[in-house]
Amino acid sequence: MEGVGYIGLGVMGAPMSSNLLRKGFKVTVFDIDQSKIPPLLELGATGAGSIAEVAEANDIVITMLPDSPHVEEVVSGPGGLIDSGHPGMIVLDTSTIYPGTTDKLAEKAASAGMTFVDAAVGRLPPQAIAGTSMFMVGGQAEDVERVRPLLEAMGETIIHCGPVGSGIRCKLVNNFLTMITAKANAEAFAMALKAGLPADTVWQVITGTTATNGCLSTGWLPKLFAGNLEPGFAMPLARKDLSLGIRMADEVGVDTPLADLALTYYDELLESEFGNKDFSAIVAAACEEVGVAPPVLSQE
């Protein structure tokens, strides 16, 4: 069993690394916020004080970081994984970042005799905790097989999308659709509640027809529909993912009028009281605009 490094212990990284430890992997963990390390030490992790310490001790290093600049700094910055690692090491990035950054980092890793695999994560923090995430993976077949045991320890669905960069591109397509759909959900529920329809009835109808989507059927049940808007998948991340999807669409020559409108709305939300809430708060905001209470389901 190869030694594994894990960098980035946030709302997704902490449970994902925890699952590796529970499945018996030897894991060295690092986060710029060192207070996030002790809970993982209790599960058997080895704590590191620097990125270099992680790279020097392991053959596979997983990154789960907020945005492209963070991944670029950790992988190719001074004292980063490429500086401190060794030939044959795999960098397994599970972050949601700009695909051009993925391509650039893969080239830099290859020049240093290392391999870069992108494995963007589908699903939300509850699934990361349960170990039932989806991974959309980009990389050569032999590299994907080498990291597959790690992915299977953290998730239940592993989809090899193609060469390096394919995983993150699939993730952006997925989240592009999700964030637009979230806005449509918000408008539908605001309309329904303003018209006097019970939230439970509306939810039962639209999750039983072709109108349904993952936000309604699973993702928002422990969040908006339970009256909990504390961030799981936070609003700024939703806005970031949509903007990355629009950028990718622009680069391949696809017009995105609906997404452009949705992005404007997310920008407005970030300036409101909902800006640091869960992205399901998009529905609460729409309901507030029309003067009705946000939907809370009976959860029976």
Protein backbone atom coordinates (compact mmCIF):
# COMPACT_ATOMS: atom_id res chain seq x y z
CA MET A 1 0.00 0.00 0.00
CA GLU A 2 1.51 3.30 -1.11
CA GLY A 3 1.86 6.18 1.29
CA VAL A 4 -0.73 8.90 0.70
CA GLY A 5 -0.52 12.61 1.34
CA TYR A 6 -3.62 14.75 1.69
CA ILE A 7 -3.56 18.54 1.38
CA GLY A 8 -6.68 20.59 2.11
CA LEU A 9 -8.85 19.60 5.07
CA GLY A 10 -11.96 21.69 4.53
CA VAL A 11 -15.61 20.70 4.36
CA MET A 12 -14.86 18.02 1.72
CA GLY A 13 -11.21 17.22 2.41
CA ALA A 14 -11.65 16.38 6.08
CA PRO A 15 -14.29 13.66 5.57
CA MET A 16 -12.60 12.30 2.45
CA SER A 17 -9.27 11.90 4.22
CA SER A 18 -11.08 10.42 7.20
CA ASN A 19 -12.51 7.72 4.96
CA LEU A 20 -9.03 6.86 3.69
CA LEU A 21 -7.85 6.43 7.26
CA ARG A 22 -10.85 4.30 8.19
CA LYS A 23 -10.13 2.06 5.18
CA GLY A 24 -6.60 1.42 6.44
CA PHE A 25 -4.51 3.79 4.32
CA LYS A 26 -1.46 5.48 5.82
CA VAL A 27 -2.16 9.18 5.32
CA THR A 28 -0.04 12.27 5.93
CA VAL A 29 -2.24 15.35 6.22
CA PHE A 30 -1.57 19.06 5.84
CA ASP A 31 -3.63 22.22 5.85
CA ILE A 32 -2.56 25.83 6.09
CA ASP A 33 -4.93 25.95 9.06
CA GLN A 34 -3.11 23.58 11.39
CA SER A 35 -6.11 23.43 13.75
CA LYS A 36 -7.79 21.11 11.22
CA ILE A 37 -5.15 18.41 11.67
CA PRO A 38 -5.71 17.08 15.25
CA PRO A 39 -9.09 15.37 14.56
CA LEU A 40 -7.39 13.34 11.83
CA LEU A 41 -4.46 12.44 14.09
CA GLU A 42 -7.02 10.73 16.31
CA LEU A 43 -7.91 8.51 13.34
CA GLY A 44 -4.28 7.57 12.80
CA ALA A 45 -3.05 10.23 10.38
CA THR A 46 0.46 11.66 10.46
CA GLY A 47 0.48 15.44 10.63
CA ALA A 48 2.79 17.53 8.43
CA GLY A 49 4.00 21.06 8.91
CA SER A 50 4.55 21.84 5.23
CA ILE A 51 3.71 20.80 1.69
CA ALA A 52 7.29 19.66 1.22
CA GLU A 53 6.98 17.30 4.18
CA VAL A 54 3.96 15.68 2.55
CA ALA A 55 5.64 15.35 -0.84
CA GLU A 56 8.87 13.88 0.48
CA ALA A 57 7.11 11.13 2.42
CA ASN A 58 4.51 9.90 -0.09
CA ASP A 59 4.07 8.50 -3.58
CA ILE A 60 0.54 9.82 -4.14
CA VAL A 61 -0.57 13.24 -2.92
CA ILE A 62 -4.23 14.29 -3.02
CA THR A 63 -5.21 17.94 -3.14
CA MET A 64 -8.66 19.32 -2.27
CA LEU A 65 -8.46 23.12 -2.41
CA PRO A 66 -10.86 26.01 -3.00
CA ASP A 67 -9.79 27.43 -6.38
CA SER A 68 -7.24 27.45 -9.19
CA PRO A 69 -4.67 29.77 -7.56
CA HIS A 70 -4.56 27.60 -4.44
CA VAL A 71 -3.93 24.43 -6.44
CA GLU A 72 -1.33 26.15 -8.59
CA GLU A 73 0.54 27.41 -5.51
CA VAL A 74 0.50 24.02 -3.78
CA VAL A 75 1.52 22.05 -6.86
CA SER A 76 3.94 24.31 -8.71
CA GLY A 77 4.75 27.15 -6.31
CA PRO A 78 8.01 27.47 -4.37
CA GLY A 79 8.31 24.56 -1.98
CA GLY A 80 5.31 22.91 -3.63
CA LEU A 81 4.75 19.35 -4.72
CA ILE A 82 6.80 19.58 -7.92
CA ASP A 83 9.69 21.25 -6.11
CA SER A 84 9.63 18.78 -3.22
CA GLY A 85 8.36 15.57 -4.77
CA HIS A 86 10.12 12.82 -6.69
CA PRO A 87 9.82 11.12 -10.08
CA GLY A 88 6.96 8.64 -10.18
CA MET A 89 4.84 10.59 -7.72
CA ILE A 90 1.19 11.14 -8.63
CA VAL A 91 -0.59 14.39 -7.86
CA LEU A 92 -4.30 13.56 -7.58
CA ASP A 93 -6.25 16.81 -7.66
CA THR A 94 -9.88 16.61 -6.55
CA SER A 95 -10.47 20.36 -6.53
CA THR A 96 -12.85 22.21 -8.85
CA ILE A 97 -10.64 24.54 -10.86
CA TYR A 98 -10.18 26.07 -14.29
CA PRO A 99 -9.33 23.27 -16.77
CA GLY A 100 -6.53 25.33 -18.28
CA THR A 101 -4.83 25.26 -14.89
CA THR A 102 -5.19 21.47 -14.82
CA ASP A 103 -3.60 21.21 -18.27
CA LYS A 104 -0.71 23.48 -17.29
CA LEU A 105 -0.01 21.66 -14.04
CA ALA A 106 -0.12 18.28 -15.80
CA GLU A 107 2.56 19.49 -18.21
CA LYS A 108 4.74 20.79 -15.38
CA ALA A 109 4.35 17.55 -13.44
CA ALA A 110 5.29 15.51 -16.51
CA SER A 111 8.41 17.63 -17.01
CA ALA A 112 9.46 16.68 -13.47
CA GLY A 113 8.81 12.97 -14.05
CA MET A 114 5.57 13.07 -12.09
CA THR A 115 1.98 12.37 -13.09
CA PHE A 116 -1.10 14.56 -12.67
CA VAL A 117 -4.56 13.02 -12.42
CA ASP A 118 -7.70 15.12 -12.03
CA ALA A 119 -10.56 13.55 -10.10
CA ALA A 120 -13.26 16.15 -9.64
CA VAL A 121 -15.82 15.28 -6.97
CA GLY A 122 -19.51 14.95 -7.62
CA ARG A 123 -22.13 15.14 -4.86
CA LEU A 124 -22.07 17.06 -1.60
CA PRO A 125 -20.56 17.01 1.92
CA PRO A 126 -23.05 14.43 3.30
CA GLN A 127 -21.89 12.01 0.60
CA ALA A 128 -18.24 12.85 1.30
CA ILE A 129 -18.86 11.95 4.94
CA ALA A 130 -20.62 8.71 3.99
CA GLY A 131 -17.96 7.77 1.44
CA THR A 132 -20.46 7.76 -1.41
CA SER A 133 -19.03 10.54 -3.57
CA MET A 134 -18.68 10.35 -7.34
CA PHE A 135 -15.30 10.97 -8.98
CA MET A 136 -14.97 12.19 -12.56
CA VAL A 137 -11.41 11.23 -13.45
CA GLY A 138 -9.02 12.42 -16.12
CA GLY A 139 -5.75 10.59 -16.73
CA GLN A 140 -3.99 7.73 -18.45
CA ALA A 141 -5.56 4.34 -17.79
CA GLU A 142 -2.60 3.00 -15.82
CA ASP A 143 -2.50 6.08 -13.60
CA VAL A 144 -6.23 5.93 -12.98
CA GLU A 145 -5.89 2.29 -11.95
CA ARG A 146 -3.10 3.20 -9.56
CA VAL A 147 -5.28 5.74 -7.73
CA ARG A 148 -8.53 3.78 -8.04
CA PRO A 149 -8.22 2.11 -4.59
CA LEU A 150 -8.04 5.57 -3.02
CA LEU A 151 -11.04 6.82 -4.97
CA GLU A 152 -13.01 3.72 -4.04
CA ALA A 153 -12.22 4.34 -0.38
CA MET A 154 -13.71 7.82 -0.66
CA GLY A 155 -16.56 7.23 -3.09
CA GLU A 156 -18.83 4.70 -4.72
CA THR A 157 -18.90 5.85 -8.36
CA ILE A 158 -15.67 6.23 -10.35
CA ILE A 159 -16.04 7.44 -13.94
CA HIS A 160 -12.92 7.58 -16.11
CA CYS A 161 -13.79 10.46 -18.42
CA GLY A 162 -10.69 10.41 -20.62
CA PRO A 163 -7.19 11.93 -20.61
CA VAL A 164 -5.95 14.47 -18.09
CA GLY A 165 -8.35 17.42 -17.87
CA SER A 166 -11.42 15.40 -18.87
CA GLY A 167 -12.59 14.91 -15.28
CA ILE A 168 -12.65 18.58 -14.36
CA ARG A 169 -14.31 19.46 -17.67
CA CYS A 170 -17.11 16.95 -16.95
CA LYS A 171 -17.45 18.40 -13.45
CA LEU A 172 -17.88 21.91 -14.83
CA VAL A 173 -20.57 20.73 -17.25
CA ASN A 174 -22.34 19.06 -14.34
CA ASN A 175 -22.16 22.06 -12.01
CA PHE A 176 -23.01 24.48 -14.82
CA LEU A 177 -26.33 22.67 -15.18
CA THR A 178 -26.82 22.37 -11.42
CA MET A 179 -26.42 26.10 -10.73
CA ILE A 180 -28.79 27.09 -13.51
CA THR A 181 -31.31 24.51 -12.31
CA ALA A 182 -31.01 25.85 -8.75
CA LYS A 183 -32.19 29.27 -9.96
CA ALA A 184 -35.15 27.65 -11.75
CA ASN A 185 -36.01 25.76 -8.56
CA ALA A 186 -35.96 29.03 -6.65
CA GLU A 187 -38.37 30.73 -9.02
CA ALA A 188 -40.70 27.72 -9.08
CA PHE A 189 -40.97 27.48 -5.29
CA ALA A 190 -41.40 31.23 -4.87
CA MET A 191 -44.25 31.11 -7.40
CA ALA A 192 -45.84 28.06 -5.79
CA LEU A 193 -45.74 29.41 -2.24
CA LYS A 194 -46.95 32.86 -3.33
CA ALA A 195 -49.88 31.07 -4.99
CA GLY A 196 -50.73 29.43 -1.66
CA LEU A 197 -49.60 25.89 -2.45
CA PRO A 198 -48.15 23.78 0.41
CA ALA A 199 -44.41 23.17 0.09
CA ASP A 200 -44.75 19.43 0.78
CA THR A 201 -47.31 19.04 -1.99
CA VAL A 202 -45.22 20.98 -4.51
CA TRP A 203 -42.14 18.95 -3.65
CA GLN A 204 -44.06 15.66 -3.98
CA VAL A 205 -45.38 16.63 -7.41
CA ILE A 206 -42.19 17.95 -8.98
CA THR A 207 -39.96 15.18 -7.65
CA GLY A 208 -42.39 12.67 -9.17
CA THR A 209 -42.21 14.05 -12.70
CA THR A 210 -39.59 14.96 -15.28
CA ALA A 211 -39.24 18.34 -13.52
CA THR A 212 -37.20 16.75 -10.76
CA ASN A 213 -33.48 17.26 -10.23
CA GLY A 214 -30.83 16.33 -7.69
CA CYS A 215 -31.13 19.54 -5.70
CA LEU A 216 -34.77 18.77 -4.97
CA SER A 217 -34.64 15.00 -4.63
CA THR A 218 -31.57 14.66 -2.42
CA GLY A 219 -29.15 17.56 -2.13
CA TRP A 220 -31.37 20.09 -0.42
CA LEU A 221 -33.26 17.75 1.92
CA PRO A 222 -30.81 18.26 4.83
CA LYS A 223 -30.31 21.93 3.96
CA LEU A 224 -33.00 24.35 2.71
CA PHE A 225 -35.90 21.91 3.12
CA ALA A 226 -34.85 21.24 6.72
CA GLY A 227 -34.56 24.94 7.50
CA ASN A 228 -30.75 24.72 7.58
CA LEU A 229 -28.89 27.26 5.46
CA GLU A 230 -25.49 26.86 7.08
CA PRO A 231 -22.99 26.26 4.29
CA GLY A 232 -22.43 22.75 3.03
CA PHE A 233 -21.79 23.71 -0.57
CA ALA A 234 -21.42 27.43 0.01
CA MET A 235 -22.84 30.14 -2.24
CA PRO A 236 -19.41 31.53 -3.27
CA LEU A 237 -18.40 28.07 -4.50
CA ALA A 238 -21.62 27.76 -6.50
CA ARG A 239 -20.91 31.11 -8.13
CA LYS A 240 -17.30 30.09 -8.82
CA ASP A 241 -18.29 26.81 -10.48
CA LEU A 242 -20.88 28.49 -12.69
CA SER A 243 -18.39 31.14 -13.76
CA LEU A 244 -15.83 28.45 -14.63
CA GLY A 245 -18.45 26.66 -16.70
CA ILE A 246 -19.30 29.85 -18.58
CA ARG A 247 -15.61 30.47 -19.20
CA MET A 248 -15.19 26.98 -20.60
CA ALA A 249 -18.25 27.42 -22.82
CA ASP A 250 -16.88 30.71 -24.13
CA GLU A 251 -13.59 29.04 -25.00
CA VAL A 252 -15.28 26.34 -27.07
CA GLY A 253 -17.66 28.80 -28.73
CA VAL A 254 -20.95 28.01 -26.97
CA ASP A 255 -23.37 30.82 -26.09
CA THR A 256 -24.83 30.58 -22.58
CA PRO A 257 -27.62 33.16 -22.18
CA LEU A 258 -29.37 31.32 -19.33
CA ALA A 259 -26.13 30.83 -17.45
CA ASP A 260 -25.19 34.47 -17.93
CA LEU A 261 -28.46 35.56 -16.33
CA ALA A 262 -28.02 33.08 -13.51
CA LEU A 263 -24.50 34.32 -12.84
CA THR A 264 -25.79 37.87 -12.46
CA TYR A 265 -28.22 36.63 -9.84
CA TYR A 266 -25.50 34.73 -7.95
CA ASP A 267 -23.42 37.91 -7.96
CA GLU A 268 -26.32 39.76 -6.36
CA LEU A 269 -26.76 37.03 -3.76
CA LEU A 270 -23.11 37.27 -2.73
CA GLU A 271 -23.77 40.88 -1.73
CA SER A 272 -26.84 39.93 0.33
CA GLU A 273 -27.49 38.25 3.67
CA PHE A 274 -27.43 34.94 1.80
CA GLY A 275 -23.91 35.41 0.43
CA ASN A 276 -22.21 33.08 2.90
CA LYS A 277 -25.02 30.55 3.22
CA ASP A 278 -25.54 27.19 1.55
CA PHE A 279 -26.27 27.52 -2.15
CA SER A 280 -29.79 26.23 -1.51
CA ALA A 281 -30.42 29.68 0.04
CA ILE A 282 -31.08 30.78 -3.54
CA VAL A 283 -34.63 29.56 -2.88
CA ALA A 284 -34.89 31.42 0.42
CA ALA A 285 -33.79 34.60 -1.35
CA ALA A 286 -36.40 34.20 -4.09
CA CYS A 287 -39.09 33.60 -1.48
CA GLU A 288 -38.03 36.67 0.47
CA GLU A 289 -38.34 38.75 -2.69
CA VAL A 290 -42.03 37.85 -3.03
CA GLY A 291 -42.81 37.99 0.69
CA VAL A 292 -43.30 34.31 1.55
CA ALA A 293 -41.49 32.05 4.01
CA PRO A 294 -38.96 29.63 2.48
CA PRO A 295 -40.14 26.03 2.09
CA VAL A 296 -39.55 23.61 4.94
CA LEU A 297 -40.66 20.04 4.37
CA SER A 298 -42.16 17.71 6.96
CA GLN A 299 -39.21 15.26 6.44
CA GLU A 300 -41.54 12.31 7.11
